[in-house]
């Protein structure tokens, strides 16, 4: 074999080896995002009105409670369904207190209590901390749902 022929064989074999051992980059995929559709739908406040908004402390968070201030009805998302609640007291002047402690009657439970302490003041409202929704059961027990909340005005 001639030197040229050996050089061609060497070049050809290294280029094949180079092709066989070249690294290919895998396409990067976006991290999976858990999208949750459980909970109440978005709620709107008309200009000049205020309301209470609560989210569960679970991951992902669920929008679980809403009431317009002064309304005698509220909405609660619990056990995979939306419940219309009837307020047991007047719900005006909520911002005048250090917190909330409101009672409701629902169609699927005996009594529901929403509690929380007003915290940080925000533009157009206040955070509600140390909050929970207490749901009375037919057997006399209560289910406690820790929540985070917001009293907001538009």
Protein backbone atom coordinates (compact mmCIF):
# COMPACT_ATOMS: atom_id res chain seq x y z
CA UNK A 1 0.00 0.00 0.00
CA UNK A 2 1.11 3.42 -0.78
CA UNK A 3 1.46 6.19 1.69
CA UNK A 4 -1.36 8.16 0.04
CA UNK A 5 -3.69 5.22 0.28
CA UNK A 6 -2.89 4.69 3.99
CA UNK A 7 -3.49 8.40 4.64
CA UNK A 8 -6.89 8.24 2.90
CA UNK A 9 -7.89 5.15 4.90
CA UNK A 10 -6.78 6.85 8.13
CA UNK A 11 -8.69 10.05 7.29
CA UNK A 12 -11.79 8.14 6.26
CA UNK A 13 -11.75 5.95 9.40
CA UNK A 14 -11.28 8.91 11.76
CA UNK A 15 -14.06 10.85 10.12
CA UNK A 16 -16.40 7.87 10.51
CA UNK A 17 -15.28 7.46 14.11
CA UNK A 18 -15.75 11.21 14.60
CA UNK A 19 -19.28 10.98 13.25
CA UNK A 20 -20.07 7.96 15.36
CA UNK A 21 -18.75 9.54 18.55
CA UNK A 22 -20.01 13.08 18.05
CA UNK A 23 -22.38 14.22 20.76
CA UNK A 24 -25.83 15.41 19.92
CA UNK A 25 -27.67 17.76 22.21
CA UNK A 26 -31.12 16.79 23.28
CA UNK A 27 -33.81 19.39 22.84
CA UNK A 28 -34.50 21.15 26.10
CA UNK A 29 -38.01 20.66 27.40
CA UNK A 30 -39.91 23.11 29.52
CA UNK A 31 -40.42 22.06 33.13
CA UNK A 32 -43.84 20.59 33.77
CA UNK A 33 -46.27 23.03 35.31
CA UNK A 34 -49.20 21.81 37.36
CA UNK A 35 -52.28 23.69 36.27
CA UNK A 36 -55.16 23.51 38.64
CA UNK A 37 -58.70 24.25 37.58
CA UNK A 38 -60.36 23.40 40.89
CA UNK A 39 -61.86 26.21 42.89
CA UNK A 40 -64.09 29.17 42.34
CA UNK A 41 -63.90 31.09 39.07
CA UNK A 42 -62.54 34.64 39.06
CA UNK A 43 -64.85 37.12 40.81
CA UNK A 44 -65.35 40.77 39.95
CA UNK A 45 -66.01 43.74 42.19
CA UNK A 46 -67.85 46.75 40.82
CA UNK A 47 -66.32 50.20 41.37
CA UNK A 48 -66.67 51.28 44.99
CA UNK A 49 -67.37 47.78 46.32
CA UNK A 50 -65.26 45.54 48.58
CA UNK A 51 -65.05 41.82 49.15
CA UNK A 52 -63.40 38.92 50.95
CA UNK A 53 -61.23 36.49 48.98
CA UNK A 54 -59.67 33.33 50.45
CA UNK A 55 -57.31 30.71 49.01
CA UNK A 56 -56.47 27.32 50.47
CA UNK A 57 -52.98 26.87 51.89
CA UNK A 58 -52.45 23.73 49.78
CA UNK A 59 -50.16 23.36 46.78
CA UNK A 60 -51.45 24.33 44.32
CA UNK A 61 -53.61 26.97 45.94
CA UNK A 62 -57.35 26.90 45.30
CA UNK A 63 -59.61 29.96 45.32
CA UNK A 64 -62.13 28.67 47.89
CA UNK A 65 -64.19 31.56 49.29
CA UNK A 66 -65.66 34.84 48.07
CA UNK A 67 -68.16 37.33 49.46
CA UNK A 68 -68.98 40.87 48.41
CA UNK A 69 -69.19 43.11 51.45
CA UNK A 70 -72.81 43.79 52.41
CA UNK A 71 -74.14 40.79 50.47
CA UNK A 72 -76.17 38.16 52.28
CA UNK A 73 -74.68 35.36 50.13
CA UNK A 74 -71.15 33.99 49.75
CA UNK A 75 -69.52 31.24 47.68
CA UNK A 76 -67.45 28.37 49.08
CA UNK A 77 -65.60 25.74 47.07
CA UNK A 78 -65.36 22.58 49.18
CA UNK A 79 -65.20 18.85 48.42
CA UNK A 80 -65.05 19.50 44.69
CA UNK A 81 -68.21 21.59 44.47
CA UNK A 82 -69.33 25.18 44.84
CA UNK A 83 -71.73 25.92 47.67
CA UNK A 84 -73.88 29.02 47.98
CA UNK A 85 -73.81 30.16 51.60
CA UNK A 86 -76.24 32.37 53.48
CA UNK A 87 -74.70 34.89 55.89
CA UNK A 88 -76.00 34.77 59.46
CA UNK A 89 -75.10 38.42 60.17
CA UNK A 90 -74.64 41.78 58.48
CA UNK A 91 -71.39 41.89 56.51
CA UNK A 92 -70.88 45.64 56.20
CA UNK A 93 -68.12 47.63 57.87
CA UNK A 94 -65.71 44.68 57.76
CA UNK A 95 -62.66 46.95 57.61
CA UNK A 96 -63.57 48.57 60.94
CA UNK A 97 -62.59 45.49 62.97
CA UNK A 98 -59.25 43.89 63.82
CA UNK A 99 -60.32 40.76 61.99
CA UNK A 100 -63.27 38.77 60.78
CA UNK A 101 -65.41 36.10 62.40
CA UNK A 102 -68.37 35.43 60.12
CA UNK A 103 -70.96 32.63 60.25
CA UNK A 104 -72.83 31.07 57.34
CA UNK A 105 -75.29 28.29 56.63
CA UNK A 106 -74.65 26.10 53.60
CA UNK A 107 -76.77 23.55 51.72
CA UNK A 108 -74.39 20.62 52.36
CA UNK A 109 -73.13 21.42 55.87
CA UNK A 110 -74.60 22.59 59.14
CA UNK A 111 -72.56 25.71 59.83
CA UNK A 112 -69.54 27.40 58.31
CA UNK A 113 -67.37 29.98 60.08
CA UNK A 114 -64.73 32.14 58.39
CA UNK A 115 -62.12 33.61 60.75
CA UNK A 116 -58.99 35.68 60.30
CA UNK A 117 -56.95 38.60 61.59
CA UNK A 118 -56.26 41.66 59.47
CA UNK A 119 -52.59 42.06 58.67
CA UNK A 120 -50.61 44.21 56.31
CA UNK A 121 -52.38 47.10 54.58
CA UNK A 122 -52.14 46.97 50.80
CA UNK A 123 -53.24 49.39 48.12
CA UNK A 124 -57.01 48.91 48.06
CA UNK A 125 -57.23 46.40 50.88
CA UNK A 126 -55.67 44.34 53.63
CA UNK A 127 -54.18 40.89 53.98
CA UNK A 128 -55.95 38.46 56.26
CA UNK A 129 -53.66 36.15 58.19
CA UNK A 130 -54.11 33.34 60.72
CA UNK A 131 -57.28 32.51 58.80
CA UNK A 132 -59.35 29.36 58.63
CA UNK A 133 -62.69 28.15 57.37
CA UNK A 134 -64.42 25.89 59.89
CA UNK A 135 -66.93 23.53 58.31
CA UNK A 136 -69.46 21.85 60.59
CA UNK A 137 -70.30 18.21 59.87
CA UNK A 138 -73.53 16.31 60.52
CA UNK A 139 -71.76 14.12 63.09
CA UNK A 140 -70.80 17.14 65.24
CA UNK A 141 -67.16 17.35 64.13
CA UNK A 142 -65.61 20.33 62.35
CA UNK A 143 -63.24 20.31 59.42
CA UNK A 144 -60.67 23.11 59.62
CA UNK A 145 -59.39 24.46 56.31
CA UNK A 146 -56.37 26.79 56.72
CA UNK A 147 -56.61 29.67 54.26
CA UNK A 148 -54.91 32.93 53.34
CA UNK A 149 -57.10 35.88 52.55
CA UNK A 150 -57.53 39.37 51.29
CA UNK A 151 -60.06 42.09 51.96
CA UNK A 152 -60.00 44.18 48.78
CA UNK A 153 -61.86 47.20 47.43
CA UNK A 154 -62.14 48.50 43.91
